Amino acid sequence: MKPSDKQLKSAADSIAAAFADKKLSNAEIGRIACVHPSQVGRICAGNFKTFSHNVVQICKALGVKLPRLEPETSDMDPAWAQAQSSMRRVWDETPEGALVIARMLDAVAELKTPSDPLAA
């Protein structure tokens, strides 16, 4: 899901303000966030179009909360919308949290049997 222009502007402004407030160098933020300093500079200058892993890591390092991206639900199957809503409630909005949820769902998928109502 791509953030809206308004969400991108808000995030860029928040990142820039936190960067100025923390008074850390690109290299220092890069070490904290495990992101190359050149990427730190680009992201802190507002040069990004998605909330990529690097953007999320820099936000975590700076204490910036990104806006939640909501999917377009107008054409979405209601059952899938309910499943997605449940996943969003347990997700802590980190890449690591997304991996945990994915692993959990993969484990559940491995447990399904042909006679299981979930196996369809």
PDB file of N, CA and C in Angstrom:
ATOM      1  N   MET A   1       0.840  -1.167   0.000  1.00  0.00           N
ATOM      2  CA  MET A   1       0.000   0.000   0.000  1.00  0.00           C
ATOM      3  C   MET A   1       0.888   1.234   0.000  1.00  0.00           C
ATOM      4  N   LYS A   2       0.581   2.111  -0.878  1.00  0.00           N
ATOM      5  CA  LYS A   2       1.368   3.330  -1.016  1.00  0.00           C
ATOM      6  C   LYS A   2       0.744   4.428  -0.150  1.00  0.00           C
ATOM      7  N   PRO A   3       1.563   5.146   0.594  1.00  0.00           N
ATOM      8  CA  PRO A   3       1.030   6.249   1.385  1.00  0.00           C
ATOM      9  C   PRO A   3       0.547   7.384   0.488  1.00  0.00           C
ATOM     10  N   SER A   4      -0.419   8.129   0.988  1.00  0.00           N
ATOM     11  CA  SER A   4      -0.915   9.289   0.249  1.00  0.00           C
ATOM     12  C   SER A   4       0.137  10.402   0.315  1.00  0.00           C
ATOM     13  N   ASP A   5      -0.027  11.391  -0.541  1.00  0.00           N
ATOM     14  CA  ASP A   5       0.888  12.532  -0.523  1.00  0.00           C
ATOM     15  C   ASP A   5       0.855  13.221   0.840  1.00  0.00           C
ATOM     16  N   LYS A   6      -0.323  13.310   1.425  1.00  0.00           N
ATOM     17  CA  LYS A   6      -0.470  13.938   2.742  1.00  0.00           C
ATOM     18  C   LYS A   6       0.283  13.132   3.812  1.00  0.00           C
ATOM     19  N   GLN A   7       0.185  11.786   3.760  1.00  0.00           N
ATOM     20  CA  GLN A   7       0.894  10.947   4.719  1.00  0.00           C
ATOM     21  C   GLN A   7       2.405  11.049   4.526  1.00  0.00           C
ATOM     22  N   LEU A   8       2.849  11.095   3.263  1.00  0.00           N
ATOM     23  CA  LEU A   8       4.278  11.240   2.987  1.00  0.00           C
ATOM     24  C   LEU A   8       4.806  12.561   3.526  1.00  0.00           C
ATOM     25  N   LYS A   9       4.073  13.637   3.283  1.00  0.00           N
ATOM     26  CA  LYS A   9       4.492  14.973   3.754  1.00  0.00           C
ATOM     27  C   LYS A   9       4.547  15.004   5.278  1.00  0.00           C
ATOM     28  N   SER A  10       3.523  14.448   5.923  1.00  0.00           N
ATOM     29  CA  SER A  10       3.481  14.419   7.381  1.00  0.00           C
ATOM     30  C   SER A  10       4.664  13.626   7.945  1.00  0.00           C
ATOM     31  N   ALA A  11       4.924  12.458   7.348  1.00  0.00           N
ATOM     32  CA  ALA A  11       6.042  11.629   7.810  1.00  0.00           C
ATOM     33  C   ALA A  11       7.373  12.352   7.582  1.00  0.00           C
ATOM     34  N   ALA A  12       7.554  12.943   6.410  1.00  0.00           N
ATOM     35  CA  ALA A  12       8.796  13.658   6.106  1.00  0.00           C
ATOM     36  C   ALA A  12       9.010  14.805   7.090  1.00  0.00           C
ATOM     37  N   ASP A  13       7.950  15.531   7.390  1.00  0.00           N
ATOM     38  CA  ASP A  13       8.055  16.641   8.346  1.00  0.00           C
ATOM     39  C   ASP A  13       8.419  16.136   9.742  1.00  0.00           C
ATOM     40  N   SER A  14       7.794  15.036  10.166  1.00  0.00           N
ATOM     41  CA  SER A  14       8.078  14.461  11.488  1.00  0.00           C
ATOM     42  C   SER A  14       9.506  13.951  11.569  1.00  0.00           C
ATOM     43  N   ILE A  15       9.975  13.304  10.512  1.00  0.00           N
ATOM     44  CA  ILE A  15      11.344  12.795  10.484  1.00  0.00           C
ATOM     45  C   ILE A  15      12.337  13.953  10.544  1.00  0.00           C
ATOM     46  N   ALA A  16      12.100  14.993   9.739  1.00  0.00           N
ATOM     47  CA  ALA A  16      13.001  16.150   9.723  1.00  0.00           C
ATOM     48  C   ALA A  16      13.050  16.825  11.092  1.00  0.00           C
ATOM     49  N   ALA A  17      11.897  16.961  11.738  1.00  0.00           N
ATOM     50  CA  ALA A  17      11.854  17.597  13.055  1.00  0.00           C
ATOM     51  C   ALA A  17      12.594  16.749  14.093  1.00  0.00           C
ATOM     52  N   ALA A  18      12.389  15.445  14.064  1.00  0.00           N
ATOM     53  CA  ALA A  18      13.064  14.561  15.020  1.00  0.00           C
ATOM     54  C   ALA A  18      14.570  14.549  14.772  1.00  0.00           C
ATOM     55  N   PHE A  19      14.964  14.572  13.499  1.00  0.00           N
ATOM     56  CA  PHE A  19      16.377  14.605  13.141  1.00  0.00           C
ATOM     57  C   PHE A  19      17.035  15.870  13.707  1.00  0.00           C
ATOM     58  N   ALA A  20      16.364  17.000  13.530  1.00  0.00           N
ATOM     59  CA  ALA A  20      16.900  18.269  14.042  1.00  0.00           C
ATOM     60  C   ALA A  20      16.933  18.266  15.565  1.00  0.00           C
ATOM     61  N   ASP A  21      15.915  17.696  16.190  1.00  0.00           N
ATOM     62  CA  ASP A  21      15.800  17.683  17.646  1.00  0.00           C
ATOM     63  C   ASP A  21      16.853  16.779  18.297  1.00  0.00           C
ATOM     64  N   LYS A  22      17.114  15.638  17.684  1.00  0.00           N
ATOM     65  CA  LYS A  22      18.049  14.663  18.270  1.00  0.00           C
ATOM     66  C   LYS A  22      19.505  15.093  18.132  1.00  0.00           C
ATOM     67  N   LYS A  23      19.791  15.932  17.131  1.00  0.00           N
ATOM     68  CA  LYS A  23      21.155  16.425  16.904  1.00  0.00           C
ATOM     69  C   LYS A  23      22.167  15.287  16.750  1.00  0.00           C
ATOM     70  N   LEU A  24      21.758  14.255  16.013  1.00  0.00           N
ATOM     71  CA  LEU A  24      22.641  13.138  15.704  1.00  0.00           C
ATOM     72  C   LEU A  24      23.084  13.244  14.250  1.00  0.00           C
ATOM     73  N   SER A  25      24.251  12.714  13.946  1.00  0.00           N
ATOM     74  CA  SER A  25      24.719  12.715  12.562  1.00  0.00           C
ATOM     75  C   SER A  25      24.043  11.584  11.789  1.00  0.00           C
ATOM     76  N   ASN A  26      24.161  11.656  10.460  1.00  0.00           N
ATOM     77  CA  ASN A  26      23.630  10.574   9.621  1.00  0.00           C
ATOM     78  C   ASN A  26      24.293   9.247   9.984  1.00  0.00           C
ATOM     79  N   ALA A  27      25.592   9.290  10.259  1.00  0.00           N
ATOM     80  CA  ALA A  27      26.319   8.070  10.612  1.00  0.00           C
ATOM     81  C   ALA A  27      25.812   7.486  11.936  1.00  0.00           C
ATOM     82  N   GLU A  28      25.546   8.359  12.916  1.00  0.00           N
ATOM     83  CA  GLU A  28      25.049   7.879  14.214  1.00  0.00           C
ATOM     84  C   GLU A  28      23.658   7.255  14.075  1.00  0.00           C
ATOM     85  N   ILE A  29      22.797   7.916  13.338  1.00  0.00           N
ATOM     86  CA  ILE A  29      21.451   7.356  13.115  1.00  0.00           C
ATOM     87  C   ILE A  29      21.561   6.062  12.316  1.00  0.00           C
ATOM     88  N   GLY A  30      22.454   6.046  11.332  1.00  0.00           N
ATOM     89  CA  GLY A  30      22.671   4.846  10.539  1.00  0.00           C
ATOM     90  C   GLY A  30      23.094   3.660  11.380  1.00  0.00           C
ATOM     91  N   ARG A  31      23.991   3.897  12.346  1.00  0.00           N
ATOM     92  CA  ARG A  31      24.419   2.807  13.239  1.00  0.00           C
ATOM     93  C   ARG A  31      23.254   2.316  14.090  1.00  0.00           C
ATOM     94  N   ILE A  32      22.454   3.226  14.600  1.00  0.00           N
ATOM     95  CA  ILE A  32      21.311   2.848  15.438  1.00  0.00           C
ATOM     96  C   ILE A  32      20.280   2.076  14.618  1.00  0.00           C
ATOM     97  N   ALA A  33      20.010   2.558  13.405  1.00  0.00           N
ATOM     98  CA  ALA A  33      18.950   1.997  12.569  1.00  0.00           C
ATOM     99  C   ALA A  33      19.430   0.880  11.642  1.00  0.00           C
ATOM    100  N   CYS A  34      20.743   0.648  11.578  1.00  0.00           N
ATOM    101  CA  CYS A  34      21.320  -0.333  10.637  1.00  0.00           C
ATOM    102  C   CYS A  34      20.968   0.038   9.197  1.00  0.00           C
ATOM    103  N   VAL A  35      21.121   1.324   8.890  1.00  0.00           N
ATOM    104  CA  VAL A  35      20.849   1.866   7.556  1.00  0.00           C
ATOM    105  C   VAL A  35      22.074   2.676   7.142  1.00  0.00           C
ATOM    106  N   HIS A  36      22.469   2.580   5.879  1.00  0.00           N
ATOM    107  CA  HIS A  36      23.636   3.312   5.388  1.00  0.00           C
ATOM    108  C   HIS A  36      23.417   4.821   5.573  1.00  0.00           C
ATOM    109  N   PRO A  37      24.451   5.542   6.005  1.00  0.00           N
ATOM    110  CA  PRO A  37      24.310   6.988   6.237  1.00  0.00           C
ATOM    111  C   PRO A  37      23.789   7.769   5.031  1.00  0.00           C
ATOM    112  N   SER A  38      24.119   7.332   3.808  1.00  0.00           N
ATOM    113  CA  SER A  38      23.599   8.048   2.633  1.00  0.00           C
ATOM    114  C   SER A  38      22.079   7.909   2.542  1.00  0.00           C
ATOM    115  N   GLN A  39      21.568   6.747   2.942  1.00  0.00           N
ATOM    116  CA  GLN A  39      20.121   6.544   2.960  1.00  0.00           C
ATOM    117  C   GLN A  39      19.483   7.369   4.079  1.00  0.00           C
ATOM    118  N   VAL A  40      20.171   7.463   5.205  1.00  0.00           N
ATOM    119  CA  VAL A  40      19.679   8.290   6.312  1.00  0.00           C
ATOM    120  C   VAL A  40      19.517   9.725   5.835  1.00  0.00           C
ATOM    121  N   GLY A  41      20.530  10.254   5.157  1.00  0.00           N
ATOM    122  CA  GLY A  41      20.468  11.628   4.661  1.00  0.00           C
ATOM    123  C   GLY A  41      19.317  11.830   3.692  1.00  0.00           C
ATOM    124  N   ARG A  42      19.157  10.888   2.773  1.00  0.00           N
ATOM    125  CA  ARG A  42      18.082  10.981   1.775  1.00  0.00           C
ATOM    126  C   ARG A  42      16.713  10.949   2.454  1.00  0.00           C
ATOM    127  N   ILE A  43      16.530  10.031   3.387  1.00  0.00           N
ATOM    128  CA  ILE A  43      15.233   9.875   4.050  1.00  0.00           C
ATOM    129  C   ILE A  43      14.955  11.068   4.966  1.00  0.00           C
ATOM    130  N   CYS A  44      15.958  11.509   5.711  1.00  0.00           N
ATOM    131  CA  CYS A  44      15.754  12.665   6.602  1.00  0.00           C
ATOM    132  C   CYS A  44      15.495  13.950   5.821  1.00  0.00           C
ATOM    133  N   ALA A  45      15.896  13.974   4.551  1.00  0.00           N
ATOM    134  CA  ALA A  45      15.603  15.125   3.683  1.00  0.00           C
ATOM    135  C   ALA A  45      14.217  14.997   3.045  1.00  0.00           C
ATOM    136  N   GLY A  46      13.521  13.900   3.321  1.00  0.00           N
ATOM    137  CA  GLY A  46      12.161  13.723   2.801  1.00  0.00           C
ATOM    138  C   GLY A  46      12.102  13.097   1.425  1.00  0.00           C
ATOM    139  N   ASN A  47      13.197  12.511   0.962  1.00  0.00           N
ATOM    140  CA  ASN A  47      13.236  11.896  -0.367  1.00  0.00           C
ATOM    141  C   ASN A  47      12.868  10.416  -0.292  1.00  0.00           C
ATOM    142  N   PHE A  48      11.595  10.131  -0.131  1.00  0.00           N
ATOM    143  CA  PHE A  48      11.094   8.760  -0.146  1.00  0.00           C
ATOM    144  C   PHE A  48       9.634   8.785  -0.598  1.00  0.00           C
ATOM    145  N   LYS A  49       9.196   7.686  -1.208  1.00  0.00           N
ATOM    146  CA  LYS A  49       7.827   7.607  -1.739  1.00  0.00           C
ATOM    147  C   LYS A  49       7.011   6.486  -1.117  1.00  0.00           C
ATOM    148  N   THR A  50       7.672   5.630  -0.322  1.00  0.00           N
ATOM    149  CA  THR A  50       6.979   4.555   0.392  1.00  0.00           C
ATOM    150  C   THR A  50       7.571   4.465   1.786  1.00  0.00           C
ATOM    151  N   PHE A  51       6.887   3.743   2.627  1.00  0.00           N
ATOM    152  CA  PHE A  51       7.405   3.514   3.977  1.00  0.00           C
ATOM    153  C   PHE A  51       8.200   2.206   3.948  1.00  0.00           C
ATOM    154  N   SER A  52       9.370   2.280   3.309  1.00  0.00           N
ATOM    155  CA  SER A  52      10.232   1.114   3.146  1.00  0.00           C
ATOM    156  C   SER A  52      10.818   0.683   4.491  1.00  0.00           C
ATOM    157  N   HIS A  53      11.506  -0.439   4.450  1.00  0.00           N
ATOM    158  CA  HIS A  53      12.163  -0.947   5.660  1.00  0.00           C
ATOM    159  C   HIS A  53      13.119   0.109   6.228  1.00  0.00           C
ATOM    160  N   ASN A  54      13.908   0.754   5.369  1.00  0.00           N
ATOM    161  CA  ASN A  54      14.856   1.767   5.846  1.00  0.00           C
ATOM    162  C   ASN A  54      14.140   2.955   6.484  1.00  0.00           C
ATOM    163  N   VAL A  55      13.041   3.390   5.883  1.00  0.00           N
ATOM    164  CA  VAL A  55      12.267   4.499   6.463  1.00  0.00           C
ATOM    165  C   VAL A  55      11.754   4.098   7.844  1.00  0.00           C
ATOM    166  N   VAL A  56      11.216   2.900   7.953  1.00  0.00           N
ATOM    167  CA  VAL A  56      10.686   2.417   9.239  1.00  0.00           C
ATOM    168  C   VAL A  56      11.800   2.340  10.281  1.00  0.00           C
ATOM    169  N   GLN A  57      12.965   1.817   9.889  1.00  0.00           N
ATOM    170  CA  GLN A  57      14.077   1.695  10.833  1.00  0.00           C
ATOM    171  C   GLN A  57      14.549   3.068  11.317  1.00  0.00           C
ATOM    172  N   ILE A  58      14.620   4.027  10.417  1.00  0.00           N
ATOM    173  CA  ILE A  58      15.030   5.385  10.800  1.00  0.00           C
ATOM    174  C   ILE A  58      13.983   6.008  11.718  1.00  0.00           C
ATOM    175  N   CYS A  59      12.723   5.794  11.413  1.00  0.00           N
ATOM    176  CA  CYS A  59      11.660   6.311  12.287  1.00  0.00           C
ATOM    177  C   CYS A  59      11.768   5.715  13.684  1.00  0.00           C
ATOM    178  N   LYS A  60      12.036   4.420  13.762  1.00  0.00           N
ATOM    179  CA  LYS A  60      12.208   3.786  15.075  1.00  0.00           C
ATOM    180  C   LYS A  60      13.377   4.416  15.815  1.00  0.00           C
ATOM    181  N   ALA A  61      14.485   4.647  15.116  1.00  0.00           N
ATOM    182  CA  ALA A  61      15.667   5.231  15.748  1.00  0.00           C
ATOM    183  C   ALA A  61      15.399   6.653  16.235  1.00  0.00           C
ATOM    184  N   LEU A  62      14.563   7.381  15.510  1.00  0.00           N
ATOM    185  CA  LEU A  62      14.262   8.774  15.869  1.00  0.00           C
ATOM    186  C   LEU A  62      13.029   8.909  16.754  1.00  0.00           C
ATOM    187  N   GLY A  63      12.311   7.823  16.983  1.00  0.00           N
ATOM    188  CA  GLY A  63      11.093   7.882  17.798  1.00  0.00           C
ATOM    189  C   GLY A  63       9.915   8.496  17.064  1.00  0.00           C
ATOM    190  N   VAL A  64       9.865   8.334  15.752  1.00  0.00           N
ATOM    191  CA  VAL A  64       8.784   8.878  14.922  1.00  0.00           C
ATOM    192  C   VAL A  64       7.789   7.768  14.624  1.00  0.00           C
ATOM    193  N   LYS A  65       6.516   8.037  14.829  1.00  0.00           N
ATOM    194  CA  LYS A  65       5.465   7.064  14.522  1.00  0.00           C
ATOM    195  C   LYS A  65       4.908   7.370  13.144  1.00  0.00           C
ATOM    196  N   LEU A  66       4.952   6.374  12.263  1.00  0.00           N
ATOM    197  CA  LEU A  66       4.398   6.538  10.921  1.00  0.00           C
ATOM    198  C   LEU A  66       2.891   6.329  10.946  1.00  0.00           C
ATOM    199  N   PRO A  67       2.172   6.998  10.045  1.00  0.00           N
ATOM    200  CA  PRO A  67       0.729   6.777   9.988  1.00  0.00           C
ATOM    201  C   PRO A  67       0.429   5.373   9.482  1.00  0.00           C
ATOM    202  N   ARG A  68      -0.654   4.814   9.960  1.00  0.00           N
ATOM    203  CA  ARG A  68      -1.080   3.476   9.535  1.00  0.00           C
ATOM    204  C   ARG A  68      -1.668   3.563   8.138  1.00  0.00           C
ATOM    205  N   LEU A  69      -1.247   2.657   7.291  1.00  0.00           N
ATOM    206  CA  LEU A  69      -1.767   2.606   5.929  1.00  0.00           C
ATOM    207  C   LEU A  69      -2.935   1.638   5.889  1.00  0.00           C
ATOM    208  N   GLU A  70      -4.050   2.119   5.428  1.00  0.00           N
ATOM    209  CA  GLU A  70      -5.242   1.275   5.325  1.00  0.00           C
ATOM    210  C   GLU A  70      -5.459   0.876   3.879  1.00  0.00           C
ATOM    211  N   PRO A  71      -5.768  -0.391   3.627  1.00  0.00           N
ATOM    212  CA  PRO A  71      -5.995  -0.835   2.255  1.00  0.00           C
ATOM    213  C   PRO A  71      -7.330  -0.333   1.723  1.00  0.00           C
ATOM    214  N   GLU A  72      -7.405  -0.294   0.399  1.00  0.00           N
ATOM    215  CA  GLU A  72      -8.680   0.001  -0.253  1.00  0.00           C
ATOM    216  C   GLU A  72      -9.587  -1.200  -0.018  1.00  0.00           C
ATOM    217  N   THR A  73     -10.745  -1.000   0.584  1.00  0.00           N
ATOM    218  CA  THR A  73     -11.613  -2.132   0.906  1.00  0.00           C
ATOM    219  C   THR A  73     -12.858  -2.194   0.043  1.00  0.00           C
ATOM    220  N   SER A  74     -13.050  -1.276  -0.878  1.00  0.00           N
ATOM    221  CA  SER A  74     -14.285  -1.232  -1.643  1.00  0.00           C
ATOM    222  C   SER A  74     -14.511  -2.495  -2.472  1.00  0.00           C
ATOM    223  N   ASP A  75     -13.445  -3.060  -3.055  1.00  0.00           N
ATOM    224  CA  ASP A  75     -13.590  -4.257  -3.878  1.00  0.00           C
ATOM    225  C   ASP A  75     -13.100  -5.509  -3.156  1.00  0.00           C
ATOM    226  N   MET A  76     -12.810  -5.399  -1.864  1.00  0.00           N
ATOM    227  CA  MET A  76     -12.238  -6.506  -1.125  1.00  0.00           C
ATOM    228  C   MET A  76     -13.319  -7.465  -0.641  1.00  0.00           C
ATOM    229  N   ASP A  77     -13.010  -8.745  -0.720  1.00  0.00           N
ATOM    230  CA  ASP A  77     -13.899  -9.775  -0.188  1.00  0.00           C
ATOM    231  C   ASP A  77     -14.084  -9.517   1.311  1.00  0.00           C
ATOM    232  N   PRO A  78     -15.319  -9.534   1.825  1.00  0.00           N
ATOM    233  CA  PRO A  78     -15.554  -9.233   3.242  1.00  0.00           C
ATOM    234  C   PRO A  78     -14.800 -10.171   4.193  1.00  0.00           C
ATOM    235  N   ALA A  79     -14.685 -11.440   3.837  1.00  0.00           N
ATOM    236  CA  ALA A  79     -13.971 -12.386   4.701  1.00  0.00           C
ATOM    237  C   ALA A  79     -12.487 -12.026   4.779  1.00  0.00           C
ATOM    238  N   TRP A  80     -11.895 -11.648   3.636  1.00  0.00           N
ATOM    239  CA  TRP A  80     -10.489 -11.248   3.634  1.00  0.00           C
ATOM    240  C   TRP A  80     -10.310  -9.937   4.404  1.00  0.00           C
ATOM    241  N   ALA A  81     -11.242  -9.010   4.268  1.00  0.00           N
ATOM    242  CA  ALA A  81     -11.165  -7.743   5.003  1.00  0.00           C
ATOM    243  C   ALA A  81     -11.176  -8.011   6.508  1.00  0.00           C
ATOM    244  N   GLN A  82     -11.980  -8.976   6.954  1.00  0.00           N
ATOM    245  CA  GLN A  82     -12.031  -9.318   8.378  1.00  0.00           C
ATOM    246  C   GLN A  82     -10.700  -9.936   8.823  1.00  0.00           C
ATOM    247  N   ALA A  83     -10.153 -10.840   8.015  1.00  0.00           N
ATOM    248  CA  ALA A  83      -8.865 -11.459   8.355  1.00  0.00           C
ATOM    249  C   ALA A  83      -7.765 -10.404   8.418  1.00  0.00           C
ATOM    250  N   GLN A  84      -7.767  -9.510   7.450  1.00  0.00           N
ATOM    251  CA  GLN A  84      -6.750  -8.460   7.410  1.00  0.00           C
ATOM    252  C   GLN A  84      -6.879  -7.526   8.618  1.00  0.00           C
ATOM    253  N   SER A  85      -8.091  -7.216   8.986  1.00  0.00           N
ATOM    254  CA  SER A  85      -8.329  -6.365  10.149  1.00  0.00           C
ATOM    255  C   SER A  85      -7.782  -7.025  11.424  1.00  0.00           C
ATOM    256  N   SER A  86      -7.998  -8.319  11.550  1.00  0.00           N
ATOM    257  CA  SER A  86      -7.494  -9.044  12.722  1.00  0.00           C
ATOM    258  C   SER A  86      -5.966  -9.043  12.749  1.00  0.00           C
ATOM    259  N   MET A  87      -5.347  -9.240  11.585  1.00  0.00           N
ATOM    260  CA  MET A  87      -3.884  -9.220  11.534  1.00  0.00           C
ATOM    261  C   MET A  87      -3.345  -7.845  11.912  1.00  0.00           C
ATOM    262  N   ARG A  88      -4.001  -6.788  11.458  1.00  0.00           N
ATOM    263  CA  ARG A  88      -3.548  -5.430  11.775  1.00  0.00           C
ATOM    264  C   ARG A  88      -3.638  -5.136  13.264  1.00  0.00           C
ATOM    265  N   ARG A  89      -4.635  -5.718  13.940  1.00  0.00           N
ATOM    266  CA  ARG A  89      -4.775  -5.477  15.378  1.00  0.00           C
ATOM    267  C   ARG A  89      -3.613  -6.073  16.169  1.00  0.00           C
ATOM    268  N   VAL A  90      -3.058  -7.197  15.708  1.00  0.00           N
ATOM    269  CA  VAL A  90      -1.960  -7.818  16.450  1.00  0.00           C
ATOM    270  C   VAL A  90      -0.594  -7.332  15.994  1.00  0.00           C
ATOM    271  N   TRP A  91      -0.515  -6.652  14.855  1.00  0.00           N
ATOM    272  CA  TRP A  91       0.765  -6.197  14.327  1.00  0.00           C
ATOM    273  C   TRP A  91       1.237  -4.954  15.073  1.00  0.00           C
ATOM    274  N   ASP A  92       2.480  -4.946  15.474  1.00  0.00           N
ATOM    275  CA  ASP A  92       3.055  -3.790  16.177  1.00  0.00           C
ATOM    276  C   ASP A  92       3.673  -2.773  15.219  1.00  0.00           C
ATOM    277  N   GLU A  93       3.404  -2.927  13.921  1.00  0.00           N
ATOM    278  CA  GLU A  93       3.839  -2.005  12.878  1.00  0.00           C
ATOM    279  C   GLU A  93       5.349  -1.970  12.682  1.00  0.00           C
ATOM    280  N   THR A  94       5.996  -3.091  12.966  1.00  0.00           N
ATOM    281  CA  THR A  94       7.425  -3.200  12.691  1.00  0.00           C
ATOM    282  C   THR A  94       7.643  -4.314  11.674  1.00  0.00           C
ATOM    283  N   PRO A  95       8.742  -4.254  10.932  1.00  0.00           N
ATOM    284  CA  PRO A  95       9.039  -5.360  10.014  1.00  0.00           C
ATOM    285  C   PRO A  95       9.186  -6.694  10.754  1.00  0.00           C
ATOM    286  N   GLU A  96       9.761  -6.633  11.949  1.00  0.00           N
ATOM    287  CA  GLU A  96       9.926  -7.853  12.735  1.00  0.00           C
ATOM    288  C   GLU A  96       8.576  -8.434  13.131  1.00  0.00           C
ATOM    289  N   GLY A  97       7.648  -7.551  13.517  1.00  0.00           N
ATOM    290  CA  GLY A  97       6.298  -7.998  13.881  1.00  0.00           C
ATOM    291  C   GLY A  97       5.582  -8.632  12.704  1.00  0.00           C
ATOM    292  N   ALA A  98       5.792  -8.082  11.515  1.00  0.00           N
ATOM    293  CA  ALA A  98       5.183  -8.659  10.314  1.00  0.00           C
ATOM    294  C   ALA A  98       5.730 -10.058  10.059  1.00  0.00           C
ATOM    295  N   LEU A  99       7.035 -10.240  10.279  1.00  0.00           N
ATOM    296  CA  LEU A  99       7.631 -11.568  10.104  1.00  0.00           C
ATOM    297  C   LEU A  99       7.067 -12.572  11.104  1.00  0.00           C
ATOM    298  N   VAL A 100       6.859 -12.142  12.342  1.00  0.00           N
ATOM    299  CA  VAL A 100       6.293 -13.026  13.365  1.00  0.00           C
ATOM    300  C   VAL A 100       4.887 -13.466  12.951  1.00  0.00           C
ATOM    301  N   ILE A 101       4.081 -12.528  12.490  1.00  0.00           N
ATOM    302  CA  ILE A 101       2.719 -12.867  12.053  1.00  0.00           C
ATOM    303  C   ILE A 101       2.765 -13.819  10.869  1.00  0.00           C
ATOM    304  N   ALA A 102       3.655 -13.558   9.916  1.00  0.00           N
ATOM    305  CA  ALA A 102       3.774 -14.435   8.749  1.00  0.00           C
ATOM    306  C   ALA A 102       4.182 -15.847   9.167  1.00  0.00           C
ATOM    307  N   ARG A 103       5.135 -15.953  10.086  1.00  0.00           N
ATOM    308  CA  ARG A 103       5.560 -17.283  10.572  1.00  0.00           C
ATOM    309  C   ARG A 103       4.419 -17.998  11.276  1.00  0.00           C
ATOM    310  N   MET A 104       3.658 -17.253  12.076  1.00  0.00           N
ATOM    311  CA  MET A 104       2.527 -17.854  12.785  1.00  0.00           C
ATOM    312  C   MET A 104       1.495 -18.383  11.791  1.00  0.00           C
ATOM    313  N   LEU A 105       1.175 -17.593  10.778  1.00  0.00           N
ATOM    314  CA  LEU A 105       0.197 -18.020   9.780  1.00  0.00           C
ATOM    315  C   LEU A 105       0.710 -19.219   8.980  1.00  0.00           C
ATOM    316  N   ASP A 106       2.015 -19.232   8.669  1.00  0.00           N
ATOM    317  CA  ASP A 106       2.597 -20.385   7.976  1.00  0.00           C
ATOM    318  C   ASP A 106       2.487 -21.644   8.841  1.00  0.00           C
ATOM    319  N   ALA A 107       2.713 -21.500  10.149  1.00  0.00           N
ATOM    320  CA  ALA A 107       2.604 -22.648  11.052  1.00  0.00           C
ATOM    321  C   ALA A 107       1.165 -23.163  11.102  1.00  0.00           C
ATOM    322  N   VAL A 108       0.201 -22.261  11.141  1.00  0.00           N
ATOM    323  CA  VAL A 108      -1.209 -22.664  11.132  1.00  0.00           C
ATOM    324  C   VAL A 108      -1.539 -23.381   9.825  1.00  0.00           C
ATOM    325  N   ALA A 109      -1.019 -22.878   8.715  1.00  0.00           N
ATOM    326  CA  ALA A 109      -1.266 -23.505   7.416  1.00  0.00           C
ATOM    327  C   ALA A 109      -0.713 -24.932   7.391  1.00  0.00           C
ATOM    328  N   GLU A 110       0.420 -25.166   8.042  1.00  0.00           N
ATOM    329  CA  GLU A 110       1.016 -26.502   8.097  1.00  0.00           C
ATOM    330  C   GLU A 110       0.151 -27.471   8.899  1.00  0.00           C
ATOM    331  N   LEU A 111      -0.640 -26.969   9.834  1.00  0.00           N
ATOM    332  CA  LEU A 111      -1.468 -27.821  10.692  1.00  0.00           C
ATOM    333  C   LEU A 111      -2.776 -28.246  10.042  1.00  0.00           C
ATOM    334  N   LYS A 112      -3.174 -27.581   8.971  1.00  0.00           N
ATOM    335  CA  LYS A 112      -4.454 -27.887   8.336  1.00  0.00           C
ATOM    336  C   LYS A 112      -4.446 -29.302   7.776  1.00  0.00           C
ATOM    337  N   THR A 113      -5.590 -29.975   7.908  1.00  0.00           N
ATOM    338  CA  THR A 113      -5.775 -31.293   7.317  1.00  0.00           C
ATOM    339  C   THR A 113      -6.906 -31.195   6.291  1.00  0.00           C
ATOM    340  N   PRO A 114      -7.008 -32.144   5.347  1.00  0.00           N
ATOM    341  CA  PRO A 114      -8.065 -32.076   4.335  1.00  0.00           C
ATOM    342  C   PRO A 114      -9.464 -32.032   4.938  1.00  0.00           C
ATOM    343  N   SER A 115      -9.685 -32.631   6.107  1.00  0.00           N
ATOM    344  CA  SER A 115     -11.025 -32.612   6.705  1.00  0.00           C
ATOM    345  C   SER A 115     -11.268 -31.363   7.536  1.00  0.00           C
ATOM    346  N   ASP A 116     -10.258 -30.554   7.694  1.00  0.00           N
ATOM    347  CA  ASP A 116     -10.344 -29.315   8.482  1.00  0.00           C
ATOM    348  C   ASP A 116     -11.156 -28.274   7.705  1.00  0.00           C
ATOM    349  N   PRO A 117     -12.111 -27.598   8.367  1.00  0.00           N
ATOM    350  CA  PRO A 117     -12.872 -26.563   7.662  1.00  0.00           C
ATOM    351  C   PRO A 117     -11.992 -25.424   7.154  1.00  0.00           C
ATOM    352  N   LEU A 118     -10.832 -25.250   7.737  1.00  0.00           N
ATOM    353  CA  LEU A 118      -9.925 -24.188   7.284  1.00  0.00           C
ATOM    354  C   LEU A 118      -9.115 -24.613   6.063  1.00  0.00           C
ATOM    355  N   ALA A 119      -9.189 -25.880   5.699  1.00  0.00           N
ATOM    356  CA  ALA A 119      -8.341 -26.396   4.626  1.00  0.00           C
ATOM    357  C   ALA A 119      -8.814 -26.026   3.242  1.00  0.00           C
ATOM    358  N   ALA A 120      -9.972 -25.463   3.116  1.00  0.00           N
ATOM    359  CA  ALA A 120     -10.515 -25.140   1.785  1.00  0.00           C
ATOM    360  C   ALA A 120      -9.755 -24.026   1.122  1.00  0.00           C
TER     361      ALA A 120
END
